[in-house]
């Protein structure tokens, strides 16, 4: 069995200790059970693209199509 060390807030440690006492298990056993249950759910990490996040904003702005490439629009910029 591998060893894992981690830091947890005092409040989480208190809840973990209370659960361990209530179930009659060690804190390590409680953490192993919780991790096993969480990891066995098999939910893959959500793969979300920037387009998915901002999809409702795509195409909502009107203006010239060559704004970023036409030097004419840069005249006087920064003055």
N, C-alpha and C. Protein backbone atom coordinates (compact mmCIF):
# COMPACT_ATOMS: atom_id res chain seq x y z
N UNK A 1 0.85 -1.17 0.00
CA UNK A 1 0.00 0.00 0.00
C UNK A 1 0.90 1.24 0.00
N UNK A 2 0.54 2.23 -0.81
CA UNK A 2 1.29 3.47 -0.91
C UNK A 2 0.87 4.42 0.20
N UNK A 3 1.75 5.36 0.51
CA UNK A 3 1.48 6.38 1.52
C UNK A 3 1.28 7.72 0.83
N UNK A 4 0.28 8.46 1.28
CA UNK A 4 -0.02 9.78 0.74
C UNK A 4 -0.11 10.76 1.89
N UNK A 5 0.61 11.86 1.80
CA UNK A 5 0.56 12.89 2.84
C UNK A 5 -0.11 14.12 2.25
N UNK A 6 -1.01 14.72 2.99
CA UNK A 6 -1.66 15.94 2.53
C UNK A 6 -2.03 16.80 3.72
N UNK A 7 -2.20 18.08 3.43
CA UNK A 7 -2.61 19.03 4.46
C UNK A 7 -4.09 19.33 4.27
N UNK A 8 -4.83 19.33 5.38
CA UNK A 8 -6.25 19.64 5.33
C UNK A 8 -6.55 20.69 6.40
N UNK A 9 -7.58 21.50 6.17
CA UNK A 9 -7.95 22.50 7.18
C UNK A 9 -8.41 21.84 8.48
N UNK A 10 -8.29 22.58 9.56
CA UNK A 10 -8.68 22.08 10.89
C UNK A 10 -10.13 21.60 10.90
N UNK A 11 -11.02 22.34 10.24
CA UNK A 11 -12.44 21.99 10.24
C UNK A 11 -12.66 20.64 9.56
N UNK A 12 -11.95 20.39 8.47
CA UNK A 12 -12.09 19.11 7.76
C UNK A 12 -11.54 17.99 8.63
N UNK A 13 -10.42 18.24 9.30
CA UNK A 13 -9.85 17.23 10.18
C UNK A 13 -10.81 16.89 11.31
N UNK A 14 -11.48 17.88 11.85
CA UNK A 14 -12.44 17.64 12.93
C UNK A 14 -13.60 16.77 12.43
N UNK A 15 -14.11 17.07 11.25
CA UNK A 15 -15.20 16.27 10.67
C UNK A 15 -14.74 14.85 10.37
N UNK A 16 -13.50 14.73 9.88
CA UNK A 16 -12.94 13.41 9.58
C UNK A 16 -12.78 12.60 10.86
N UNK A 17 -12.27 13.23 11.91
CA UNK A 17 -12.09 12.53 13.19
C UNK A 17 -13.45 12.09 13.75
N UNK A 18 -14.45 12.96 13.65
CA UNK A 18 -15.79 12.61 14.15
C UNK A 18 -16.37 11.43 13.38
N UNK A 19 -16.18 11.42 12.07
CA UNK A 19 -16.68 10.31 11.26
C UNK A 19 -15.95 9.03 11.60
N UNK A 20 -14.65 9.13 11.80
CA UNK A 20 -13.86 7.95 12.16
C UNK A 20 -14.31 7.37 13.49
N UNK A 21 -14.57 8.25 14.48
CA UNK A 21 -15.05 7.78 15.78
C UNK A 21 -16.42 7.13 15.65
N UNK A 22 -17.31 7.76 14.90
CA UNK A 22 -18.67 7.27 14.75
C UNK A 22 -18.71 5.91 14.06
N UNK A 23 -17.82 5.69 13.08
CA UNK A 23 -17.83 4.43 12.34
C UNK A 23 -16.88 3.39 12.93
N UNK A 24 -16.07 3.81 13.90
CA UNK A 24 -15.13 2.88 14.51
C UNK A 24 -13.95 2.52 13.60
N UNK A 25 -13.65 3.40 12.67
CA UNK A 25 -12.54 3.18 11.74
C UNK A 25 -11.46 4.23 12.00
N UNK A 26 -10.30 3.99 11.41
CA UNK A 26 -9.25 5.01 11.48
C UNK A 26 -9.55 6.10 10.46
N UNK A 27 -8.91 7.25 10.65
CA UNK A 27 -9.10 8.33 9.69
C UNK A 27 -8.62 7.91 8.31
N UNK A 28 -7.54 7.14 8.26
CA UNK A 28 -7.02 6.65 6.98
C UNK A 28 -8.05 5.78 6.27
N UNK A 29 -8.71 4.91 7.02
CA UNK A 29 -9.71 4.03 6.42
C UNK A 29 -10.89 4.83 5.87
N UNK A 30 -11.29 5.86 6.60
CA UNK A 30 -12.40 6.71 6.14
C UNK A 30 -12.00 7.43 4.85
N UNK A 31 -10.81 7.99 4.82
CA UNK A 31 -10.34 8.70 3.63
C UNK A 31 -10.24 7.74 2.44
N UNK A 32 -9.71 6.52 2.66
CA UNK A 32 -9.62 5.53 1.58
C UNK A 32 -11.01 5.21 1.02
N UNK A 33 -11.98 5.02 1.91
CA UNK A 33 -13.34 4.70 1.45
C UNK A 33 -13.94 5.85 0.65
N UNK A 34 -13.74 7.07 1.13
CA UNK A 34 -14.28 8.24 0.44
C UNK A 34 -13.64 8.40 -0.94
N UNK A 35 -12.31 8.25 -1.00
CA UNK A 35 -11.61 8.36 -2.27
C UNK A 35 -12.04 7.26 -3.24
N UNK A 36 -12.16 6.05 -2.74
CA UNK A 36 -12.58 4.95 -3.59
C UNK A 36 -13.96 5.19 -4.17
N UNK A 37 -14.88 5.65 -3.33
CA UNK A 37 -16.24 5.94 -3.81
C UNK A 37 -16.23 7.04 -4.85
N UNK A 38 -15.48 8.10 -4.58
CA UNK A 38 -15.43 9.24 -5.51
C UNK A 38 -14.82 8.83 -6.85
N UNK A 39 -13.73 8.08 -6.80
CA UNK A 39 -13.04 7.71 -8.03
C UNK A 39 -13.77 6.62 -8.81
N UNK A 40 -14.60 5.83 -8.16
CA UNK A 40 -15.32 4.76 -8.85
C UNK A 40 -16.55 5.28 -9.60
N UNK A 41 -16.90 6.53 -9.40
CA UNK A 41 -18.06 7.08 -10.10
C UNK A 41 -17.80 7.18 -11.60
N UNK A 42 -16.53 7.21 -11.99
CA UNK A 42 -16.18 7.15 -13.41
C UNK A 42 -16.55 8.36 -14.22
N UNK A 43 -16.76 9.47 -13.60
CA UNK A 43 -17.09 10.68 -14.35
C UNK A 43 -15.80 11.28 -14.90
N UNK A 44 -15.67 11.34 -16.22
CA UNK A 44 -14.46 11.94 -16.78
C UNK A 44 -14.45 13.45 -16.53
N UNK A 45 -13.27 13.99 -16.50
CA UNK A 45 -13.14 15.44 -16.33
C UNK A 45 -13.80 16.12 -17.52
N UNK A 46 -14.52 17.16 -17.24
CA UNK A 46 -15.22 17.89 -18.29
C UNK A 46 -14.21 18.54 -19.23
N UNK A 47 -14.34 18.25 -20.51
CA UNK A 47 -13.49 18.87 -21.51
C UNK A 47 -14.32 19.96 -22.18
N UNK A 48 -13.99 21.19 -21.87
CA UNK A 48 -14.75 22.32 -22.37
C UNK A 48 -13.79 23.24 -23.11
N UNK A 49 -14.18 23.64 -24.31
CA UNK A 49 -13.35 24.56 -25.08
C UNK A 49 -13.76 26.00 -24.78
N UNK A 50 -12.93 26.92 -25.21
CA UNK A 50 -13.26 28.34 -25.05
C UNK A 50 -14.53 28.67 -25.83
N UNK A 51 -14.69 28.05 -26.99
CA UNK A 51 -15.89 28.28 -27.78
C UNK A 51 -17.13 27.83 -27.03
N UNK A 52 -17.04 26.69 -26.33
CA UNK A 52 -18.18 26.22 -25.54
C UNK A 52 -18.54 27.23 -24.44
N UNK A 53 -17.51 27.79 -23.80
CA UNK A 53 -17.75 28.73 -22.70
C UNK A 53 -18.30 30.07 -23.19
N UNK A 54 -17.85 30.52 -24.36
CA UNK A 54 -18.26 31.84 -24.86
C UNK A 54 -19.13 31.72 -26.09
N UNK A 55 -19.72 30.57 -26.32
CA UNK A 55 -20.51 30.33 -27.53
C UNK A 55 -21.66 31.30 -27.72
N UNK A 56 -22.27 31.74 -26.64
CA UNK A 56 -23.39 32.67 -26.77
C UNK A 56 -22.92 34.07 -27.17
N UNK A 57 -21.62 34.34 -27.07
CA UNK A 57 -21.10 35.66 -27.43
C UNK A 57 -20.60 35.72 -28.86
N UNK A 58 -20.37 34.56 -29.47
CA UNK A 58 -19.84 34.52 -30.83
C UNK A 58 -20.84 35.15 -31.79
N UNK A 59 -20.37 36.13 -32.54
CA UNK A 59 -21.21 36.79 -33.54
C UNK A 59 -22.12 37.86 -32.99
N UNK A 60 -21.97 38.26 -31.74
CA UNK A 60 -22.88 39.25 -31.17
C UNK A 60 -22.38 40.68 -31.36
N UNK A 61 -21.17 40.86 -31.90
CA UNK A 61 -20.60 42.18 -32.08
C UNK A 61 -20.65 42.55 -33.55
N UNK A 62 -21.08 43.76 -33.85
CA UNK A 62 -21.12 44.23 -35.23
C UNK A 62 -19.99 45.21 -35.45
N UNK A 63 -19.46 45.23 -36.63
CA UNK A 63 -18.38 46.14 -36.98
C UNK A 63 -17.66 45.64 -38.21
N UNK A 64 -16.60 46.35 -38.60
CA UNK A 64 -15.88 45.93 -39.80
C UNK A 64 -15.21 44.58 -39.60
N UNK A 65 -15.21 43.77 -40.62
CA UNK A 65 -14.63 42.43 -40.53
C UNK A 65 -13.12 42.41 -40.51
N UNK A 66 -12.48 43.49 -40.97
CA UNK A 66 -11.02 43.53 -41.04
C UNK A 66 -10.42 44.43 -39.96
N UNK A 67 -11.09 44.58 -38.85
CA UNK A 67 -10.68 45.50 -37.79
C UNK A 67 -9.28 45.18 -37.27
N UNK A 68 -8.92 43.94 -37.16
CA UNK A 68 -7.63 43.59 -36.57
C UNK A 68 -6.49 43.61 -37.57
N UNK A 69 -6.77 43.70 -38.86
CA UNK A 69 -5.70 43.63 -39.85
C UNK A 69 -5.55 44.88 -40.70
N UNK A 70 -6.51 45.77 -40.70
CA UNK A 70 -6.45 46.96 -41.56
C UNK A 70 -5.79 48.10 -40.80
N UNK A 71 -4.61 48.58 -41.28
CA UNK A 71 -3.91 49.66 -40.57
C UNK A 71 -4.70 50.96 -40.51
N UNK A 72 -5.68 51.13 -41.37
CA UNK A 72 -6.49 52.35 -41.38
C UNK A 72 -7.18 52.56 -40.02
N UNK A 73 -7.56 51.47 -39.37
CA UNK A 73 -8.26 51.58 -38.10
C UNK A 73 -7.32 51.90 -36.92
N UNK A 74 -6.00 51.81 -37.17
CA UNK A 74 -5.03 52.06 -36.12
C UNK A 74 -4.55 53.52 -36.09
N UNK A 75 -4.93 54.32 -37.07
CA UNK A 75 -4.52 55.72 -37.10
C UNK A 75 -5.01 56.44 -35.87
N UNK A 76 -4.10 57.09 -35.17
CA UNK A 76 -4.46 57.86 -33.99
C UNK A 76 -4.64 57.03 -32.73
N UNK A 77 -4.40 55.74 -32.82
CA UNK A 77 -4.55 54.90 -31.64
C UNK A 77 -3.47 55.20 -30.63
N UNK A 78 -3.83 55.38 -29.39
CA UNK A 78 -2.88 55.61 -28.31
C UNK A 78 -2.55 57.07 -28.07
N UNK A 79 -3.20 57.96 -28.76
CA UNK A 79 -2.92 59.40 -28.56
C UNK A 79 -3.83 59.97 -27.51
